[in-house]
Amino acid sequence: MDRPSTSRQSVEKVEMFEVREHVPYQAELTRAPAAYDEESGDIYDSSWLSAFRAICQLINLLHHMQIAIVVFCVWHFALTSAPNGTISNLELHIIFAGTGYQLFLVEAVLTLNKHNAWSFQLSKDAKRIVHGCLQLIGSLFVLAGTFLGLAKVDMVVSSAHGICGVIALAFTMASFISGIVALFSAKVRMIVKSGPVKILHLALGLFSISMGLITMVIGFNMDYFAAAQGGLSTALMSFTILILLYVMIQPIVDLISTTKKSM
């Protein structure tokens, strides 16, 4: 009586073995730790890599401080420049355009920086959402600030500051539109390829933020601002140039890598 059951069990084992034999083997992918602390049991990156990341985050923090200083000085000058405390279109132009470029659009670019202090832990999709929201707010501020400045001079643009400002506004709007297309390019891939759209968005964004900050540098050097601020004017120009150079690093890297992938 026991023999049939025993033979049946052996047949089932053979069948199970044959089924398992045909299952493809998947090797477990593991990453060897760079450093291991025996006392705490924690895994760390290598000392050089950790030090490099710390230095990059420190530099990023210093640039955020420079951004805060420039924005504060712009607001302080605009709100206190008139003797009687009134705020004209010119002061509103300084507040809106300066805040749009120096705060919202610069922070929109820094959102995608892998060493940015407040966004490096976000996912790629979260970074894109925050980047888009900041770009939208910054574009609206720049649009309002530019037209307030044009209203002050009766739509007559003759100075270098005004010409650069209008050019920066045009490319800022174009960058925003290309950013919307790039954001939804995955859904309309049958019509528009994502690679060229991203390249166009990066190129337009680089040029618009460059022209916007250069416009601010020219504004800080104008007699209207420099005569009242003295040495602070030179400091603000230096801060803005340093911020521009730092902000351009990550977009240039992304532009090169995206171009190589699209080729």
Protein backbone atom coordinates (compact mmCIF):
# COMPACT_ATOMS: atom_id res chain seq x y z
CA MET A 1 0.00 0.00 0.00
CA ASP A 2 2.85 2.37 0.70
CA ARG A 3 4.67 1.79 -2.58
CA PRO A 4 2.23 3.65 -4.90
CA SER A 5 2.22 6.67 -2.65
CA THR A 6 5.99 6.62 -2.48
CA SER A 7 6.34 6.37 -6.24
CA ARG A 8 3.77 9.11 -6.72
CA GLN A 9 5.71 11.44 -4.42
CA SER A 10 8.91 10.73 -6.31
CA VAL A 11 7.20 11.49 -9.63
CA GLU A 12 5.90 14.82 -8.23
CA LYS A 13 9.39 15.71 -7.07
CA VAL A 14 10.79 14.97 -10.52
CA GLU A 15 8.06 17.05 -12.15
CA MET A 16 8.69 19.96 -9.77
CA PHE A 17 12.39 19.71 -10.50
CA GLU A 18 11.74 19.75 -14.24
CA VAL A 19 9.54 22.84 -13.90
CA ARG A 20 12.06 24.64 -11.76
CA GLU A 21 14.81 23.70 -14.15
CA HIS A 22 13.17 25.74 -16.92
CA VAL A 23 12.80 28.89 -14.80
CA PRO A 24 15.46 31.37 -15.98
CA TYR A 25 18.00 32.29 -13.37
CA GLN A 26 18.05 35.94 -12.42
CA ALA A 27 21.19 37.09 -10.72
CA GLU A 28 20.68 39.50 -7.84
CA LEU A 29 22.21 42.85 -8.58
CA THR A 30 24.02 44.22 -5.57
CA ARG A 31 26.30 47.18 -5.16
CA ALA A 32 29.40 46.72 -3.14
CA PRO A 33 29.59 49.24 -0.33
CA ALA A 34 32.23 51.88 -0.64
CA ALA A 35 32.87 51.97 3.10
CA TYR A 36 31.56 50.04 6.10
CA ASP A 37 31.55 51.07 9.74
CA GLU A 38 31.99 47.93 11.87
CA GLU A 39 30.78 49.60 15.08
CA SER A 40 27.52 51.08 13.80
CA GLY A 41 27.00 48.76 10.84
CA ASP A 42 26.28 51.70 8.50
CA ILE A 43 27.34 51.86 4.88
CA TYR A 44 28.91 55.07 3.63
CA ASP A 45 30.20 56.43 0.35
CA SER A 46 33.91 56.84 -0.09
CA SER A 47 35.52 59.68 1.82
CA TRP A 48 36.48 61.58 -1.35
CA LEU A 49 32.99 61.32 -2.81
CA SER A 50 31.36 62.43 0.45
CA ALA A 51 33.77 65.37 0.73
CA PHE A 52 33.08 66.38 -2.89
CA ARG A 53 29.32 66.32 -2.33
CA ALA A 54 29.67 68.36 0.86
CA ILE A 55 31.76 71.00 -0.96
CA CYS A 56 29.22 71.16 -3.82
CA GLN A 57 26.36 71.62 -1.36
CA LEU A 58 28.32 74.31 0.49
CA ILE A 59 28.90 76.20 -2.77
CA ASN A 60 25.19 75.81 -3.56
CA LEU A 61 24.29 77.21 -0.13
CA LEU A 62 26.56 80.23 -0.66
CA HIS A 63 24.85 80.96 -3.97
CA HIS A 64 21.45 80.79 -2.31
CA MET A 65 22.71 83.36 0.19
CA GLN A 66 23.86 85.58 -2.68
CA ILE A 67 20.41 85.26 -4.29
CA ALA A 68 18.74 86.29 -1.02
CA ILE A 69 21.08 89.30 -0.64
CA VAL A 70 20.44 90.53 -4.20
CA VAL A 71 16.65 90.14 -3.90
CA PHE A 72 16.63 91.90 -0.52
CA CYS A 73 18.68 94.83 -1.86
CA VAL A 74 16.42 95.13 -4.92
CA TRP A 75 13.30 95.27 -2.76
CA HIS A 76 14.89 97.65 -0.25
CA PHE A 77 15.97 100.07 -2.97
CA ALA A 78 12.59 99.96 -4.74
CA LEU A 79 10.62 100.57 -1.54
CA THR A 80 12.86 103.34 -0.15
CA SER A 81 14.13 105.18 -3.25
CA ALA A 82 11.25 107.68 -3.43
CA PRO A 83 11.58 110.44 -0.77
CA ASN A 84 7.85 110.55 -0.05
CA GLY A 85 7.49 106.77 0.07
CA THR A 86 5.40 106.47 -3.09
CA ILE A 87 5.89 103.55 -5.46
CA SER A 88 5.78 104.31 -9.19
CA ASN A 89 5.85 102.01 -12.21
CA LEU A 90 9.64 102.15 -12.15
CA GLU A 91 9.85 100.81 -8.60
CA LEU A 92 7.28 98.11 -9.42
CA HIS A 93 9.33 97.24 -12.50
CA ILE A 94 12.40 96.76 -10.31
CA ILE A 95 10.51 94.57 -7.83
CA PHE A 96 8.70 92.35 -10.34
CA ALA A 97 11.48 91.94 -12.92
CA GLY A 98 14.23 91.57 -10.31
CA THR A 99 12.28 89.01 -8.28
CA GLY A 100 11.21 87.14 -11.41
CA TYR A 101 14.72 86.68 -12.75
CA GLN A 102 16.83 86.60 -9.62
CA LEU A 103 14.55 84.50 -7.43
CA PHE A 104 11.97 82.42 -9.31
CA LEU A 105 13.75 81.73 -12.61
CA VAL A 106 17.15 81.19 -11.01
CA GLU A 107 15.62 78.83 -8.45
CA ALA A 108 13.73 77.08 -11.25
CA VAL A 109 17.05 76.28 -12.92
CA LEU A 110 18.70 75.29 -9.62
CA THR A 111 15.86 72.88 -8.89
CA LEU A 112 17.33 70.51 -11.49
CA ASN A 113 20.84 70.80 -10.05
CA LYS A 114 21.80 67.47 -8.46
CA HIS A 115 23.57 69.28 -5.60
CA ASN A 116 20.80 71.79 -4.88
CA ALA A 117 20.28 72.02 -1.12
CA TRP A 118 16.47 71.82 -1.04
CA SER A 119 15.66 69.69 -4.09
CA PHE A 120 18.39 67.05 -4.47
CA GLN A 121 16.28 64.45 -2.60
CA LEU A 122 13.23 64.93 -4.82
CA SER A 123 12.39 62.50 -7.59
CA LYS A 124 12.84 63.50 -11.24
CA ASP A 125 9.10 63.99 -11.71
CA ALA A 126 8.85 66.12 -8.55
CA LYS A 127 11.78 68.24 -9.72
CA ARG A 128 10.09 68.81 -13.07
CA ILE A 129 6.83 69.85 -11.39
CA VAL A 130 8.59 72.31 -9.05
CA HIS A 131 10.73 73.56 -11.95
CA GLY A 132 7.62 74.20 -14.05
CA CYS A 133 5.77 75.99 -11.23
CA LEU A 134 8.73 78.27 -10.49
CA GLN A 135 9.19 78.99 -14.18
CA LEU A 136 5.51 79.88 -14.53
CA ILE A 137 5.61 82.28 -11.57
CA GLY A 138 8.92 83.78 -12.72
CA SER A 139 7.65 84.30 -16.27
CA LEU A 140 4.55 86.10 -14.98
CA PHE A 141 6.70 88.33 -12.75
CA VAL A 142 9.07 89.11 -15.63
CA LEU A 143 6.16 89.82 -17.97
CA ALA A 144 4.55 92.21 -15.50
CA GLY A 145 7.84 93.87 -14.60
CA THR A 146 8.89 94.40 -18.21
CA PHE A 147 5.60 96.02 -19.22
CA LEU A 148 5.68 98.23 -16.12
CA GLY A 149 9.12 99.40 -17.21
CA LEU A 150 7.93 99.96 -20.78
CA ALA A 151 4.96 101.95 -19.50
CA LYS A 152 7.36 104.20 -17.60
CA VAL A 153 9.21 105.11 -20.82
CA ASP A 154 6.08 105.17 -23.02
CA MET A 155 7.10 101.95 -24.82
CA VAL A 156 10.27 103.60 -26.16
CA VAL A 157 13.31 101.35 -25.73
CA SER A 158 16.64 103.08 -26.30
CA SER A 159 19.01 102.05 -23.47
CA ALA A 160 21.06 98.86 -23.29
CA HIS A 161 19.14 97.87 -20.16
CA GLY A 162 15.81 98.20 -21.96
CA ILE A 163 16.90 96.39 -25.13
CA CYS A 164 18.38 93.47 -23.19
CA GLY A 165 15.25 93.35 -21.02
CA VAL A 166 12.92 93.04 -24.01
CA ILE A 167 15.13 90.34 -25.56
CA ALA A 168 15.21 88.49 -22.23
CA LEU A 169 11.41 88.67 -21.97
CA ALA A 170 10.94 87.26 -25.48
CA PHE A 171 13.25 84.31 -24.84
CA THR A 172 11.75 83.73 -21.39
CA MET A 173 8.30 83.33 -22.94
CA ALA A 174 9.71 81.07 -25.66
CA SER A 175 11.51 78.97 -23.04
CA PHE A 176 8.32 78.63 -21.01
CA ILE A 177 6.33 77.47 -24.04
CA SER A 178 9.02 74.98 -25.06
CA GLY A 179 9.11 73.75 -21.46
CA ILE A 180 5.39 72.94 -21.58
CA VAL A 181 5.90 71.02 -24.83
CA ALA A 182 8.91 69.19 -23.34
CA LEU A 183 6.89 68.29 -20.24
CA PHE A 184 4.16 66.62 -22.29
CA SER A 185 6.36 65.41 -25.15
CA ALA A 186 6.02 61.82 -23.94
CA LYS A 187 2.26 61.98 -24.60
CA VAL A 188 2.62 63.52 -28.05
CA ARG A 189 5.69 61.57 -29.12
CA MET A 190 3.98 60.56 -32.35
CA ILE A 191 3.93 64.23 -33.36
CA VAL A 192 6.90 65.80 -31.61
CA LYS A 193 10.15 64.08 -30.70
CA SER A 194 11.18 64.66 -27.10
CA GLY A 195 14.94 64.99 -27.72
CA PRO A 196 14.95 68.07 -29.99
CA VAL A 197 12.27 69.75 -27.83
CA LYS A 198 14.39 69.29 -24.69
CA ILE A 199 17.45 70.63 -26.49
CA LEU A 200 15.46 73.65 -27.66
CA HIS A 201 14.09 74.24 -24.14
CA LEU A 202 17.55 74.02 -22.58
CA ALA A 203 19.06 76.37 -25.17
CA LEU A 204 16.25 78.92 -24.83
CA GLY A 205 16.38 78.69 -21.05
CA LEU A 206 20.13 79.25 -20.97
CA PHE A 207 19.88 82.29 -23.20
CA SER A 208 16.88 83.79 -21.40
CA ILE A 209 18.33 83.47 -17.89
CA SER A 210 21.66 84.82 -19.16
CA MET A 211 20.03 87.84 -20.77
CA GLY A 212 17.85 88.42 -17.70
CA LEU A 213 20.77 88.48 -15.28
CA ILE A 214 22.89 90.54 -17.67
CA THR A 215 20.02 93.03 -17.80
CA MET A 216 20.11 93.21 -14.01
CA VAL A 217 23.87 93.79 -14.03
CA ILE A 218 23.39 96.68 -16.48
CA GLY A 219 20.62 98.04 -14.25
CA PHE A 220 22.85 97.96 -11.17
CA ASN A 221 25.42 99.98 -13.14
CA MET A 222 22.95 102.70 -14.19
CA ASP A 223 23.25 106.13 -12.56
CA TYR A 224 19.76 105.85 -11.10
CA PHE A 225 20.89 102.91 -8.95
CA ALA A 226 24.67 103.28 -8.68
CA ALA A 227 24.60 106.93 -7.56
CA ALA A 228 22.48 106.10 -4.54
CA GLN A 229 24.07 102.77 -3.59
CA GLY A 230 27.78 103.42 -4.16
CA GLY A 231 29.94 100.37 -3.47
CA LEU A 232 26.88 98.16 -2.99
CA SER A 233 26.19 98.48 -6.70
CA THR A 234 29.53 96.86 -7.54
CA ALA A 235 28.93 94.10 -5.01
CA LEU A 236 25.50 93.31 -6.45
CA MET A 237 26.91 93.17 -9.97
CA SER A 238 29.59 90.74 -8.78
CA PHE A 239 27.03 88.57 -6.98
CA THR A 240 24.77 88.46 -10.03
CA ILE A 241 27.64 87.47 -12.34
CA LEU A 242 28.73 84.71 -9.94
CA ILE A 243 25.15 83.43 -9.72
CA LEU A 244 24.90 83.43 -13.52
CA LEU A 245 28.11 81.43 -13.93
CA TYR A 246 27.01 78.89 -11.33
CA VAL A 247 23.47 78.55 -12.67
CA MET A 248 24.71 77.81 -16.20
CA ILE A 249 26.80 74.77 -15.19
CA GLN A 250 24.04 72.14 -14.85
CA PRO A 251 22.03 73.24 -17.93
CA ILE A 252 25.17 73.14 -20.09
CA VAL A 253 25.93 69.61 -18.84
CA ASP A 254 22.32 68.55 -19.52
CA LEU A 255 22.39 70.18 -22.95
CA ILE A 256 25.55 68.32 -23.95
CA SER A 257 24.29 64.95 -22.67
CA THR A 258 20.85 65.38 -24.29
CA THR A 259 22.47 66.35 -27.60
CA LYS A 260 24.69 63.25 -27.52
CA LYS A 261 21.70 61.00 -26.83
CA SER A 262 19.72 62.52 -29.69
CA MET A 263 22.53 62.05 -32.24
